[in-house]
Amino acid sequence: MFGFERSLKSYLKIALVSAALIFVYYVYAYHIPHPRDEFRDETRYIIVKRGESLSVIASHLGQLGAISSKTDFILFGKILGKASGMKSGRYALKPSYSMAKIMGIITRGEAAPFNVAIPEGYTLAEIGRLLEYSVGLDLEGFKISVADPDLLDSLEIEGENLEGYLAPSTYNFFYEESAERVVRKMAEYFFASLPDSFEMKANRLGLTFHEAVTLASLIEEEAMIDAERPVIAAVFLNRLKKRMRLECDPTVIYAMGGLSRPLLKNDLKFPSPYNTYQIYGLPPGPISCPGIASLSSAVNPTDDGYLFFVARGDGTHEFSYTLKDHVNATNRIKRTRNAG
């Protein structure tokens, strides 16, 4: 009897110690934050890449200062059976987060989006590189998505790709978000944000919808200030009516795949349907993704009869009615630049 009581007491003692240890570990893992001093009192972010192991994630968390012990985090993950359940994404972490909180948001995929600003006038190539760098977008998937025939047909776009049809704006994109979803979101926003009566006004000017977007992209690349956009639109439309080549420098740069040097006179002979020094009319499609101001200007030009313009070098242009005035303006500006 005495032996039985002693065994029972030993068992109860072990059970109580075990329960106490479990309780302490529970509090330690679930209720006590473990950031290091360098974490400070601010939200920080960690990026978990697809396929990263629990050990690698723990190392990143340790380097960030979100946890004090890599070993404890790995052990906790294995105890809960979460070692293979970590989801890729960008996660916001606060100093008040316990190991359990951190583990939970990563395994549930509660990712924080990036605010990504797509500048006006970016080409598809530039947008793709920006998204690859900023949110880990699959660049090859992006290239496929912007030329997807089914998507182009669903949006009734005439071109071979979505050049010109991804709206410049600030978006919330998740890390490694599907390229197809990103592209569709930007294209749908383009149509949702179009200026009022855009297509109707384009038709009144003798332009198709696609031609108006193409014209807007030329305006986007030439204009530096909003006040001049409708005037530049008038110049291009006046030249189209008179069967004059548009002679728009940015179309040559686009035709050549972009340049990191100044445009040379010999470049104007570059053979391409996009080179408006070589072709009459508008190029086959947009040369960049225009903003709202350029889209609006393309279908709301001024009544000016200008046929020429030249950049002053300060963001503004000098407009002329005749070739003689244009040549004089160009020479005068050159002299001013040389003198300055």
C-alpha atoms as a PDB file:
ATOM      1  CA  MET A   1       0.000   0.000   0.000  1.00  0.00           C
ATOM      2  CA  PHE A   2       2.795   2.329   0.976  1.00  0.00           C
ATOM      3  CA  GLY A   3       4.593   1.623  -2.309  1.00  0.00           C
ATOM      4  CA  PHE A   4       1.456   2.362  -4.254  1.00  0.00           C
ATOM      5  CA  GLU A   5       0.991   5.721  -2.538  1.00  0.00           C
ATOM      6  CA  ARG A   6       4.611   6.637  -3.199  1.00  0.00           C
ATOM      7  CA  SER A   7       4.243   5.708  -6.882  1.00  0.00           C
ATOM      8  CA  LEU A   8       1.054   7.740  -7.103  1.00  0.00           C
ATOM      9  CA  LYS A   9       2.755  10.746  -5.551  1.00  0.00           C
ATOM     10  CA  SER A  10       5.692  10.388  -7.926  1.00  0.00           C
ATOM     11  CA  TYR A  11       3.322  10.179 -10.860  1.00  0.00           C
ATOM     12  CA  LEU A  12       1.392  13.236  -9.720  1.00  0.00           C
ATOM     13  CA  LYS A  13       4.620  15.124  -9.182  1.00  0.00           C
ATOM     14  CA  ILE A  14       5.836  14.275 -12.674  1.00  0.00           C
ATOM     15  CA  ALA A  15       2.437  15.179 -14.119  1.00  0.00           C
ATOM     16  CA  LEU A  16       2.424  18.508 -12.305  1.00  0.00           C
ATOM     17  CA  VAL A  17       5.962  19.317 -13.422  1.00  0.00           C
ATOM     18  CA  SER A  18       5.100  18.338 -16.983  1.00  0.00           C
ATOM     19  CA  ALA A  19       1.938  20.437 -16.906  1.00  0.00           C
ATOM     20  CA  ALA A  20       3.898  23.362 -15.512  1.00  0.00           C
ATOM     21  CA  LEU A  21       6.527  23.011 -18.225  1.00  0.00           C
ATOM     22  CA  ILE A  22       3.834  22.820 -20.915  1.00  0.00           C
ATOM     23  CA  PHE A  23       2.127  25.875 -19.454  1.00  0.00           C
ATOM     24  CA  VAL A  24       5.385  27.820 -19.344  1.00  0.00           C
ATOM     25  CA  TYR A  25       6.193  26.838 -22.920  1.00  0.00           C
ATOM     26  CA  TYR A  26       2.655  27.755 -23.981  1.00  0.00           C
ATOM     27  CA  VAL A  27       2.996  31.194 -22.432  1.00  0.00           C
ATOM     28  CA  TYR A  28       6.508  31.537 -23.875  1.00  0.00           C
ATOM     29  CA  ALA A  29       5.423  30.640 -27.404  1.00  0.00           C
ATOM     30  CA  TYR A  30       1.949  32.140 -27.542  1.00  0.00           C
ATOM     31  CA  HIS A  31       1.940  35.190 -25.321  1.00  0.00           C
ATOM     32  CA  ILE A  32       5.461  36.540 -24.902  1.00  0.00           C
ATOM     33  CA  PRO A  33       7.068  38.457 -27.806  1.00  0.00           C
ATOM     34  CA  HIS A  34      10.746  37.703 -28.417  1.00  0.00           C
ATOM     35  CA  PRO A  35      12.129  40.520 -30.557  1.00  0.00           C
ATOM     36  CA  ARG A  36      15.734  41.585 -30.130  1.00  0.00           C
ATOM     37  CA  ASP A  37      16.646  45.168 -29.257  1.00  0.00           C
ATOM     38  CA  GLU A  38      17.408  46.118 -32.870  1.00  0.00           C
ATOM     39  CA  PHE A  39      13.819  45.388 -33.906  1.00  0.00           C
ATOM     40  CA  ARG A  40      12.707  48.589 -32.142  1.00  0.00           C
ATOM     41  CA  ASP A  41       9.104  49.711 -31.847  1.00  0.00           C
ATOM     42  CA  GLU A  42       8.100  49.587 -35.501  1.00  0.00           C
ATOM     43  CA  THR A  43       6.558  47.317 -38.104  1.00  0.00           C
ATOM     44  CA  ARG A  44       9.059  45.444 -40.233  1.00  0.00           C
ATOM     45  CA  TYR A  45       8.609  43.137 -43.178  1.00  0.00           C
ATOM     46  CA  ILE A  46       9.941  39.741 -44.136  1.00  0.00           C
ATOM     47  CA  ILE A  47       9.700  38.123 -47.560  1.00  0.00           C
ATOM     48  CA  VAL A  48       9.216  34.365 -47.582  1.00  0.00           C
ATOM     49  CA  LYS A  49      10.114  32.915 -50.953  1.00  0.00           C
ATOM     50  CA  ARG A  50       8.388  29.929 -52.452  1.00  0.00           C
ATOM     51  CA  GLY A  51       9.954  26.659 -51.215  1.00  0.00           C
ATOM     52  CA  GLU A  52      11.994  28.175 -48.381  1.00  0.00           C
ATOM     53  CA  SER A  53      12.519  25.805 -45.439  1.00  0.00           C
ATOM     54  CA  LEU A  54      11.513  26.465 -41.854  1.00  0.00           C
ATOM     55  CA  SER A  55      15.212  26.785 -40.992  1.00  0.00           C
ATOM     56  CA  VAL A  56      15.834  29.450 -43.648  1.00  0.00           C
ATOM     57  CA  ILE A  57      12.749  31.397 -42.566  1.00  0.00           C
ATOM     58  CA  ALA A  58      13.890  31.209 -38.946  1.00  0.00           C
ATOM     59  CA  SER A  59      17.283  32.588 -39.992  1.00  0.00           C
ATOM     60  CA  HIS A  60      15.641  35.523 -41.773  1.00  0.00           C
ATOM     61  CA  LEU A  61      13.475  36.220 -38.733  1.00  0.00           C
ATOM     62  CA  GLY A  62      16.540  36.124 -36.519  1.00  0.00           C
ATOM     63  CA  GLN A  63      18.458  38.519 -38.793  1.00  0.00           C
ATOM     64  CA  LEU A  64      15.473  40.846 -38.778  1.00  0.00           C
ATOM     65  CA  GLY A  65      15.369  40.718 -34.983  1.00  0.00           C
ATOM     66  CA  ALA A  66      11.787  39.414 -34.818  1.00  0.00           C
ATOM     67  CA  ILE A  67      12.792  36.380 -32.731  1.00  0.00           C
ATOM     68  CA  SER A  68      15.563  35.839 -30.222  1.00  0.00           C
ATOM     69  CA  SER A  69      16.084  32.124 -30.875  1.00  0.00           C
ATOM     70  CA  LYS A  70      16.153  30.433 -34.251  1.00  0.00           C
ATOM     71  CA  THR A  71      16.241  27.025 -32.532  1.00  0.00           C
ATOM     72  CA  ASP A  72      13.075  27.726 -30.508  1.00  0.00           C
ATOM     73  CA  PHE A  73      11.203  28.828 -33.620  1.00  0.00           C
ATOM     74  CA  ILE A  74      12.204  25.710 -35.571  1.00  0.00           C
ATOM     75  CA  LEU A  75      11.299  23.454 -32.623  1.00  0.00           C
ATOM     76  CA  PHE A  76       7.934  25.188 -32.234  1.00  0.00           C
ATOM     77  CA  GLY A  77       7.201  24.764 -35.934  1.00  0.00           C
ATOM     78  CA  LYS A  78       8.036  21.073 -35.841  1.00  0.00           C
ATOM     79  CA  ILE A  79       5.956  20.466 -32.694  1.00  0.00           C
ATOM     80  CA  LEU A  80       2.942  22.008 -34.446  1.00  0.00           C
ATOM     81  CA  GLY A  81       3.652  20.158 -37.680  1.00  0.00           C
ATOM     82  CA  LYS A  82       4.088  23.434 -39.585  1.00  0.00           C
ATOM     83  CA  ALA A  83       7.563  22.758 -40.988  1.00  0.00           C
ATOM     84  CA  SER A  84       6.227  22.309 -44.532  1.00  0.00           C
ATOM     85  CA  GLY A  85       3.233  24.636 -44.311  1.00  0.00           C
ATOM     86  CA  MET A  86       4.951  28.000 -44.725  1.00  0.00           C
ATOM     87  CA  LYS A  87       3.449  30.114 -47.516  1.00  0.00           C
ATOM     88  CA  SER A  88       5.401  32.539 -49.677  1.00  0.00           C
ATOM     89  CA  GLY A  89       4.638  36.233 -49.392  1.00  0.00           C
ATOM     90  CA  ARG A  90       5.559  39.522 -47.754  1.00  0.00           C
ATOM     91  CA  TYR A  91       4.577  39.625 -44.091  1.00  0.00           C
ATOM     92  CA  ALA A  92       4.265  42.549 -41.693  1.00  0.00           C
ATOM     93  CA  LEU A  93       5.755  41.860 -38.269  1.00  0.00           C
ATOM     94  CA  LYS A  94       5.400  43.930 -35.101  1.00  0.00           C
ATOM     95  CA  PRO A  95       7.498  43.846 -31.917  1.00  0.00           C
ATOM     96  CA  SER A  96       4.443  42.605 -30.008  1.00  0.00           C
ATOM     97  CA  TYR A  97       4.154  39.410 -32.068  1.00  0.00           C
ATOM     98  CA  SER A  98       4.871  36.112 -30.330  1.00  0.00           C
ATOM     99  CA  MET A  99       6.370  33.095 -32.114  1.00  0.00           C
ATOM    100  CA  ALA A 100       2.874  31.625 -32.449  1.00  0.00           C
ATOM    101  CA  LYS A 101       1.580  34.860 -34.006  1.00  0.00           C
ATOM    102  CA  ILE A 102       4.438  34.961 -36.507  1.00  0.00           C
ATOM    103  CA  MET A 103       4.046  31.284 -37.312  1.00  0.00           C
ATOM    104  CA  GLY A 104       0.306  31.735 -37.750  1.00  0.00           C
ATOM    105  CA  ILE A 105       0.377  34.609 -40.222  1.00  0.00           C
ATOM    106  CA  ILE A 106       2.973  32.828 -42.375  1.00  0.00           C
ATOM    107  CA  THR A 107       1.225  29.451 -42.401  1.00  0.00           C
ATOM    108  CA  ARG A 108      -2.146  31.086 -43.094  1.00  0.00           C
ATOM    109  CA  GLY A 109      -0.656  33.238 -45.842  1.00  0.00           C
ATOM    110  CA  GLU A 110      -1.783  36.552 -44.321  1.00  0.00           C
ATOM    111  CA  ALA A 111       0.531  38.520 -46.578  1.00  0.00           C
ATOM    112  CA  ALA A 112       0.878  42.298 -46.747  1.00  0.00           C
ATOM    113  CA  PRO A 113       0.718  43.853 -50.234  1.00  0.00           C
ATOM    114  CA  PHE A 114       3.234  46.237 -51.747  1.00  0.00           C
ATOM    115  CA  ASN A 115       2.161  49.695 -52.892  1.00  0.00           C
ATOM    116  CA  VAL A 116       3.637  49.800 -56.388  1.00  0.00           C
ATOM    117  CA  ALA A 117       3.574  53.017 -58.423  1.00  0.00           C
ATOM    118  CA  ILE A 118       3.561  52.467 -62.197  1.00  0.00           C
ATOM    119  CA  PRO A 119       4.773  55.737 -63.771  1.00  0.00           C
ATOM    120  CA  GLU A 120       3.067  57.318 -66.761  1.00  0.00           C
ATOM    121  CA  GLY A 121       4.871  56.645 -70.006  1.00  0.00           C
ATOM    122  CA  TYR A 122       6.384  53.308 -69.009  1.00  0.00           C
ATOM    123  CA  THR A 123       6.531  50.638 -71.698  1.00  0.00           C
ATOM    124  CA  LEU A 124       5.508  47.025 -71.103  1.00  0.00           C
ATOM    125  CA  ALA A 125       9.182  46.094 -70.856  1.00  0.00           C
ATOM    126  CA  GLU A 126       9.784  48.735 -68.173  1.00  0.00           C
ATOM    127  CA  ILE A 127       6.656  47.745 -66.239  1.00  0.00           C
ATOM    128  CA  GLY A 128       7.694  44.096 -66.315  1.00  0.00           C
ATOM    129  CA  ARG A 129      11.170  44.860 -64.973  1.00  0.00           C
ATOM    130  CA  LEU A 130       9.741  47.117 -62.257  1.00  0.00           C
ATOM    131  CA  LEU A 131       7.309  44.443 -61.074  1.00  0.00           C
ATOM    132  CA  GLU A 132       9.939  41.714 -61.190  1.00  0.00           C
ATOM    133  CA  TYR A 133      12.215  43.811 -58.991  1.00  0.00           C
ATOM    134  CA  SER A 134       9.590  45.134 -56.585  1.00  0.00           C
ATOM    135  CA  VAL A 135       7.202  42.205 -56.052  1.00  0.00           C
ATOM    136  CA  GLY A 136       9.022  39.188 -57.466  1.00  0.00           C
ATOM    137  CA  LEU A 137       6.699  38.951 -60.489  1.00  0.00           C
ATOM    138  CA  ASP A 138       7.488  36.155 -62.940  1.00  0.00           C
ATOM    139  CA  LEU A 139       8.814  38.172 -65.910  1.00  0.00           C
ATOM    140  CA  GLU A 140       8.284  35.393 -68.435  1.00  0.00           C
ATOM    141  CA  GLY A 141       4.723  34.948 -67.193  1.00  0.00           C
ATOM    142  CA  PHE A 142       4.221  38.701 -67.568  1.00  0.00           C
ATOM    143  CA  LYS A 143       5.424  38.625 -71.189  1.00  0.00           C
ATOM    144  CA  ILE A 144       3.027  35.775 -71.951  1.00  0.00           C
ATOM    145  CA  SER A 145       0.086  37.454 -70.197  1.00  0.00           C
ATOM    146  CA  VAL A 146       0.414  40.833 -71.959  1.00  0.00           C
ATOM    147  CA  ALA A 147       0.234  39.062 -75.317  1.00  0.00           C
ATOM    148  CA  ASP A 148      -2.490  36.551 -74.402  1.00  0.00           C
ATOM    149  CA  PRO A 149      -4.887  36.432 -77.391  1.00  0.00           C
ATOM    150  CA  ASP A 150      -7.843  35.486 -75.191  1.00  0.00           C
ATOM    151  CA  LEU A 151      -7.286  38.483 -72.911  1.00  0.00           C
ATOM    152  CA  LEU A 152      -6.832  40.823 -75.893  1.00  0.00           C
ATOM    153  CA  ASP A 153     -10.029  39.510 -77.465  1.00  0.00           C
ATOM    154  CA  SER A 154     -11.984  39.836 -74.213  1.00  0.00           C
ATOM    155  CA  LEU A 155     -10.924  43.488 -73.957  1.00  0.00           C
ATOM    156  CA  GLU A 156     -11.442  44.067 -77.719  1.00  0.00           C
ATOM    157  CA  ILE A 157      -7.916  45.369 -78.196  1.00  0.00           C
ATOM    158  CA  GLU A 158      -6.637  45.557 -81.761  1.00  0.00           C
ATOM    159  CA  GLY A 159      -2.929  45.358 -80.991  1.00  0.00           C
ATOM    160  CA  GLU A 160      -0.676  42.330 -80.630  1.00  0.00           C
ATOM    161  CA  ASN A 161      -0.140  43.037 -76.956  1.00  0.00           C
ATOM    162  CA  LEU A 162      -1.243  45.324 -74.138  1.00  0.00           C
ATOM    163  CA  GLU A 163       1.262  48.085 -74.841  1.00  0.00           C
ATOM    164  CA  GLY A 164      -0.587  51.284 -73.949  1.00  0.00           C
ATOM    165  CA  TYR A 165      -3.371  49.489 -72.092  1.00  0.00           C
ATOM    166  CA  LEU A 166      -1.883  48.991 -68.616  1.00  0.00           C
ATOM    167  CA  ALA A 167      -3.004  52.014 -66.632  1.00  0.00           C
ATOM    168  CA  PRO A 168      -0.284  53.967 -64.824  1.00  0.00           C
ATOM    169  CA  SER A 169      -1.360  54.166 -61.186  1.00  0.00           C
ATOM    170  CA  THR A 170      -0.469  52.956 -57.690  1.00  0.00           C
ATOM    171  CA  TYR A 171      -1.526  49.371 -57.090  1.00  0.00           C
ATOM    172  CA  ASN A 172      -1.573  46.914 -54.210  1.00  0.00           C
ATOM    173  CA  PHE A 173       0.273  43.832 -55.451  1.00  0.00           C
ATOM    174  CA  PHE A 174       1.279  40.814 -53.397  1.00  0.00           C
ATOM    175  CA  TYR A 175       4.711  39.228 -53.516  1.00  0.00           C
ATOM    176  CA  GLU A 176       4.923  36.653 -56.335  1.00  0.00           C
ATOM    177  CA  GLU A 177       1.324  37.423 -57.319  1.00  0.00           C
ATOM    178  CA  SER A 178       0.142  35.711 -60.486  1.00  0.00           C
ATOM    179  CA  ALA A 179       1.319  37.599 -63.589  1.00  0.00           C
ATOM    180  CA  GLU A 180      -2.042  36.962 -65.235  1.00  0.00           C
ATOM    181  CA  ARG A 181      -3.900  38.502 -62.281  1.00  0.00           C
ATOM    182  CA  VAL A 182      -1.581  41.531 -62.190  1.00  0.00           C
ATOM    183  CA  VAL A 183      -1.938  42.188 -65.917  1.00  0.00           C
ATOM    184  CA  ARG A 184      -5.707  41.798 -65.895  1.00  0.00           C
ATOM    185  CA  LYS A 185      -6.025  44.123 -62.899  1.00  0.00           C
ATOM    186  CA  MET A 186      -4.029  46.854 -64.656  1.00  0.00           C
ATOM    187  CA  ALA A 187      -5.819  46.427 -67.988  1.00  0.00           C
ATOM    188  CA  GLU A 188      -9.258  46.494 -66.401  1.00  0.00           C
ATOM    189  CA  TYR A 189      -8.344  49.644 -64.494  1.00  0.00           C
ATOM    190  CA  PHE A 190      -7.269  51.253 -67.779  1.00  0.00           C
ATOM    191  CA  PHE A 191     -10.772  50.890 -69.176  1.00  0.00           C
ATOM    192  CA  ALA A 192     -12.443  51.810 -65.885  1.00  0.00           C
ATOM    193  CA  SER A 193     -10.482  55.075 -65.664  1.00  0.00           C
ATOM    194  CA  LEU A 194     -10.821  56.273 -69.266  1.00  0.00           C
ATOM    195  CA  PRO A 195     -11.864  59.934 -69.738  1.00  0.00           C
ATOM    196  CA  ASP A 196     -15.577  60.496 -70.391  1.00  0.00           C
ATOM    197  CA  SER A 197     -16.790  59.780 -73.941  1.00  0.00           C
ATOM    198  CA  PHE A 198     -13.265  58.826 -74.994  1.00  0.00           C
ATOM    199  CA  GLU A 199     -14.220  56.583 -77.906  1.00  0.00           C
ATOM    200  CA  MET A 200     -16.998  58.874 -79.131  1.00  0.00           C
ATOM    201  CA  LYS A 201     -14.664  61.892 -79.164  1.00  0.00           C
ATOM    202  CA  ALA A 202     -11.981  59.833 -80.906  1.00  0.00           C
ATOM    203  CA  ASN A 203     -14.432  58.846 -83.653  1.00  0.00           C
ATOM    204  CA  ARG A 204     -15.380  62.496 -84.155  1.00  0.00           C
ATOM    205  CA  LEU A 205     -11.721  63.218 -84.850  1.00  0.00           C
ATOM    206  CA  GLY A 206     -11.587  60.390 -87.374  1.00  0.00           C
ATOM    207  CA  LEU A 207      -9.705  58.057 -85.038  1.00  0.00           C
ATOM    208  CA  THR A 208     -10.467  54.541 -83.916  1.00  0.00           C
ATOM    209  CA  PHE A 209     -10.210  53.707 -80.219  1.00  0.00           C
ATOM    210  CA  HIS A 210      -6.828  52.046 -80.775  1.00  0.00           C
ATOM    211  CA  GLU A 211      -5.527  55.001 -82.791  1.00  0.00           C
ATOM    212  CA  ALA A 212      -6.573  57.424 -80.046  1.00  0.00           C
ATOM    213  CA  VAL A 213      -4.673  55.391 -77.428  1.00  0.00           C
ATOM    214  CA  THR A 214      -1.681  55.303 -79.783  1.00  0.00           C
ATOM    215  CA  LEU A 215      -1.837  59.084 -80.212  1.00  0.00           C
ATOM    216  CA  ALA A 216      -2.063  59.500 -76.438  1.00  0.00           C
ATOM    217  CA  SER A 217       1.160  57.487 -76.027  1.00  0.00           C
ATOM    218  CA  LEU A 218       2.991  59.846 -78.404  1.00  0.00           C
ATOM    219  CA  ILE A 219       1.703  62.836 -76.439  1.00  0.00           C
ATOM    220  CA  GLU A 220       2.823  61.171 -73.211  1.00  0.00           C
ATOM    221  CA  GLU A 221       6.359  60.793 -74.495  1.00  0.00           C
ATOM    222  CA  GLU A 222       6.617  64.330 -75.910  1.00  0.00           C
ATOM    223  CA  ALA A 223       4.893  66.439 -73.249  1.00  0.00           C
ATOM    224  CA  MET A 224       6.461  67.481 -69.967  1.00  0.00           C
ATOM    225  CA  ILE A 225       3.708  69.781 -68.678  1.00  0.00           C
ATOM    226  CA  ASP A 226      -0.031  69.160 -68.776  1.00  0.00           C
ATOM    227  CA  ALA A 227      -0.887  72.523 -70.338  1.00  0.00           C
ATOM    228  CA  GLU A 228       0.965  71.576 -73.533  1.00  0.00           C
ATOM    229  CA  ARG A 229      -0.573  68.133 -74.004  1.00  0.00           C
ATOM    230  CA  PRO A 230      -3.699  69.330 -75.895  1.00  0.00           C
ATOM    231  CA  VAL A 231      -1.495  71.569 -78.079  1.00  0.00           C
ATOM    232  CA  ILE A 232       0.825  68.683 -78.962  1.00  0.00           C
ATOM    233  CA  ALA A 233      -2.283  66.619 -79.744  1.00  0.00           C
ATOM    234  CA  ALA A 234      -3.395  69.382 -82.143  1.00  0.00           C
ATOM    235  CA  VAL A 235       0.015  69.369 -83.880  1.00  0.00           C
ATOM    236  CA  PHE A 236      -0.103  65.628 -84.510  1.00  0.00           C
ATOM    237  CA  LEU A 237      -3.726  65.709 -85.676  1.00  0.00           C
ATOM    238  CA  ASN A 238      -3.007  68.658 -87.985  1.00  0.00           C
ATOM    239  CA  ARG A 239      -0.082  66.795 -89.530  1.00  0.00           C
ATOM    240  CA  LEU A 240      -2.224  63.684 -89.985  1.00  0.00           C
ATOM    241  CA  LYS A 241      -4.841  65.718 -91.842  1.00  0.00           C
ATOM    242  CA  LYS A 242      -2.195  67.182 -94.144  1.00  0.00           C
ATOM    243  CA  ARG A 243      -0.604  63.782 -94.806  1.00  0.00           C
ATOM    244  CA  MET A 244       2.641  64.906 -93.177  1.00  0.00           C
ATOM    245  CA  ARG A 245       4.885  62.465 -91.374  1.00  0.00           C
ATOM    246  CA  LEU A 246       4.562  62.877 -87.613  1.00  0.00           C
ATOM    247  CA  GLU A 247       8.357  62.790 -87.111  1.00  0.00           C
ATOM    248  CA  CYS A 248       8.035  61.963 -83.432  1.00  0.00           C
ATOM    249  CA  ASP A 249      11.447  61.157 -81.921  1.00  0.00           C
ATOM    250  CA  PRO A 250      10.127  58.801 -79.210  1.00  0.00           C
ATOM    251  CA  THR A 251       8.720  56.491 -81.904  1.00  0.00           C
ATOM    252  CA  VAL A 252      12.264  55.992 -83.223  1.00  0.00           C
ATOM    253  CA  ILE A 253      13.557  55.253 -79.741  1.00  0.00           C
ATOM    254  CA  TYR A 254      10.737  52.735 -79.224  1.00  0.00           C
ATOM    255  CA  ALA A 255      11.400  51.143 -82.627  1.00  0.00           C
ATOM    256  CA  MET A 256      15.051  50.681 -81.667  1.00  0.00           C
ATOM    257  CA  GLY A 257      14.136  48.980 -78.413  1.00  0.00           C
ATOM    258  CA  GLY A 258      15.015  51.930 -76.221  1.00  0.00           C
ATOM    259  CA  LEU A 259      18.239  53.937 -76.164  1.00  0.00           C
ATOM    260  CA  SER A 260      20.616  54.925 -73.383  1.00  0.00           C
ATOM    261  CA  ARG A 261      22.173  57.631 -75.569  1.00  0.00           C
ATOM    262  CA  PRO A 262      20.896  60.699 -77.426  1.00  0.00           C
ATOM    263  CA  LEU A 263      19.064  60.089 -80.685  1.00  0.00           C
ATOM    264  CA  LEU A 264      21.344  60.519 -83.712  1.00  0.00           C
ATOM    265  CA  LYS A 265      20.398  61.814 -87.138  1.00  0.00           C
ATOM    266  CA  ASN A 266      21.203  58.466 -88.711  1.00  0.00           C
ATOM    267  CA  ASP A 267      18.773  56.761 -86.288  1.00  0.00           C
ATOM    268  CA  LEU A 268      15.892  58.501 -88.045  1.00  0.00           C
ATOM    269  CA  LYS A 269      16.423  56.104 -90.979  1.00  0.00           C
ATOM    270  CA  PHE A 270      15.880  53.027 -88.805  1.00  0.00           C
ATOM    271  CA  PRO A 271      13.449  50.752 -90.702  1.00  0.00           C
ATOM    272  CA  SER A 272      10.357  50.054 -88.607  1.00  0.00           C
ATOM    273  CA  PRO A 273       6.589  50.499 -88.877  1.00  0.00           C
ATOM    274  CA  TYR A 274       6.922  52.435 -85.597  1.00  0.00           C
ATOM    275  CA  ASN A 275       9.399  54.969 -87.000  1.00  0.00           C
ATOM    276  CA  THR A 276       7.242  57.991 -87.829  1.00  0.00           C
ATOM    277  CA  TYR A 277      10.132  59.564 -89.741  1.00  0.00           C
ATOM    278  CA  GLN A 278       9.764  56.712 -92.229  1.00  0.00           C
ATOM    279  CA  ILE A 279       6.016  56.025 -92.251  1.00  0.00           C
ATOM    280  CA  TYR A 280       2.952  58.172 -92.772  1.00  0.00           C
ATOM    281  CA  GLY A 281       0.250  58.194 -90.150  1.00  0.00           C
ATOM    282  CA  LEU A 282       0.323  56.750 -86.675  1.00  0.00           C
ATOM    283  CA  PRO A 283       2.459  53.738 -85.723  1.00  0.00           C
ATOM    284  CA  PRO A 284       0.686  50.352 -85.481  1.00  0.00           C
ATOM    285  CA  GLY A 285       0.127  50.759 -81.762  1.00  0.00           C
ATOM    286  CA  PRO A 286       1.064  52.670 -78.618  1.00  0.00           C
ATOM    287  CA  ILE A 287       4.721  53.190 -77.715  1.00  0.00           C
ATOM    288  CA  SER A 288       4.082  53.407 -73.957  1.00  0.00           C
ATOM    289  CA  CYS A 289       1.269  53.398 -71.427  1.00  0.00           C
ATOM    290  CA  PRO A 290      -0.209  56.921 -71.333  1.00  0.00           C
ATOM    291  CA  GLY A 291      -1.731  58.603 -68.304  1.00  0.00           C
ATOM    292  CA  ILE A 292      -5.179  60.170 -68.002  1.00  0.00           C
ATOM    293  CA  ALA A 293      -3.969  63.653 -69.014  1.00  0.00           C
ATOM    294  CA  SER A 294      -2.528  62.392 -72.301  1.00  0.00           C
ATOM    295  CA  LEU A 295      -5.569  60.227 -73.047  1.00  0.00           C
ATOM    296  CA  SER A 296      -7.851  63.184 -72.447  1.00  0.00           C
ATOM    297  CA  SER A 297      -5.690  65.485 -74.584  1.00  0.00           C
ATOM    298  CA  ALA A 298      -5.684  63.017 -77.484  1.00  0.00           C
ATOM    299  CA  VAL A 299      -9.451  63.446 -77.888  1.00  0.00           C
ATOM    300  CA  ASN A 300      -9.651  67.046 -76.687  1.00  0.00           C
ATOM    301  CA  PRO A 301      -7.027  68.884 -78.756  1.00  0.00           C
ATOM    302  CA  THR A 302      -6.847  72.663 -78.959  1.00  0.00           C
ATOM    303  CA  ASP A 303      -8.008  74.528 -82.060  1.00  0.00           C
ATOM    304  CA  ASP A 304      -4.485  75.721 -82.841  1.00  0.00           C
ATOM    305  CA  GLY A 305      -3.177  75.289 -86.368  1.00  0.00           C
ATOM    306  CA  TYR A 306       0.382  74.520 -85.321  1.00  0.00           C
ATOM    307  CA  LEU A 307       2.309  71.982 -87.387  1.00  0.00           C
ATOM    308  CA  PHE A 308       5.657  71.969 -85.605  1.00  0.00           C
ATOM    309  CA  PHE A 309       7.164  72.096 -82.118  1.00  0.00           C
ATOM    310  CA  VAL A 310      10.637  71.974 -80.650  1.00  0.00           C
ATOM    311  CA  ALA A 311      11.747  71.428 -77.062  1.00  0.00           C
ATOM    312  CA  ARG A 312      13.282  74.412 -75.317  1.00  0.00           C
ATOM    313  CA  GLY A 313      15.124  72.227 -72.856  1.00  0.00           C
ATOM    314  CA  ASP A 314      13.221  73.385 -69.786  1.00  0.00           C
ATOM    315  CA  GLY A 315      10.233  71.077 -70.170  1.00  0.00           C
ATOM    316  CA  THR A 316       8.322  73.425 -72.482  1.00  0.00           C
ATOM    317  CA  HIS A 317       8.099  73.633 -76.286  1.00  0.00           C
ATOM    318  CA  GLU A 318       7.969  76.347 -78.902  1.00  0.00           C
ATOM    319  CA  PHE A 319       5.178  75.815 -81.421  1.00  0.00           C
ATOM    320  CA  SER A 320       5.201  77.027 -85.043  1.00  0.00           C
ATOM    321  CA  TYR A 321       2.784  77.235 -87.967  1.00  0.00           C
ATOM    322  CA  THR A 322       5.347  77.069 -90.767  1.00  0.00           C
ATOM    323  CA  LEU A 323       8.535  75.152 -91.472  1.00  0.00           C
ATOM    324  CA  LYS A 324      10.447  78.432 -91.754  1.00  0.00           C
ATOM    325  CA  ASP A 325       9.344  79.528 -88.282  1.00  0.00           C
ATOM    326  CA  HIS A 326      10.140  76.085 -86.922  1.00  0.00           C
ATOM    327  CA  VAL A 327      13.682  76.144 -88.344  1.00  0.00           C
ATOM    328  CA  ASN A 328      14.237  79.623 -86.939  1.00  0.00           C
ATOM    329  CA  ALA A 329      12.943  78.532 -83.528  1.00  0.00           C
ATOM    330  CA  THR A 330      15.157  75.427 -83.570  1.00  0.00           C
ATOM    331  CA  ASN A 331      18.263  77.442 -84.473  1.00  0.00           C
ATOM    332  CA  ARG A 332      17.498  80.068 -81.852  1.00  0.00           C
ATOM    333  CA  ILE A 333      17.119  77.440 -79.143  1.00  0.00           C
ATOM    334  CA  LYS A 334      20.370  75.761 -80.209  1.00  0.00           C
ATOM    335  CA  ARG A 335      22.207  79.093 -80.007  1.00  0.00           C
ATOM    336  CA  THR A 336      20.785  79.725 -76.557  1.00  0.00           C
ATOM    337  CA  ARG A 337      21.879  76.281 -75.354  1.00  0.00           C
ATOM    338  CA  ASN A 338      25.370  76.711 -76.782  1.00  0.00           C
ATOM    339  CA  ALA A 339      25.695  80.145 -75.235  1.00  0.00           C
ATOM    340  CA  GLY A 340      24.492  78.832 -71.895  1.00  0.00           C
END
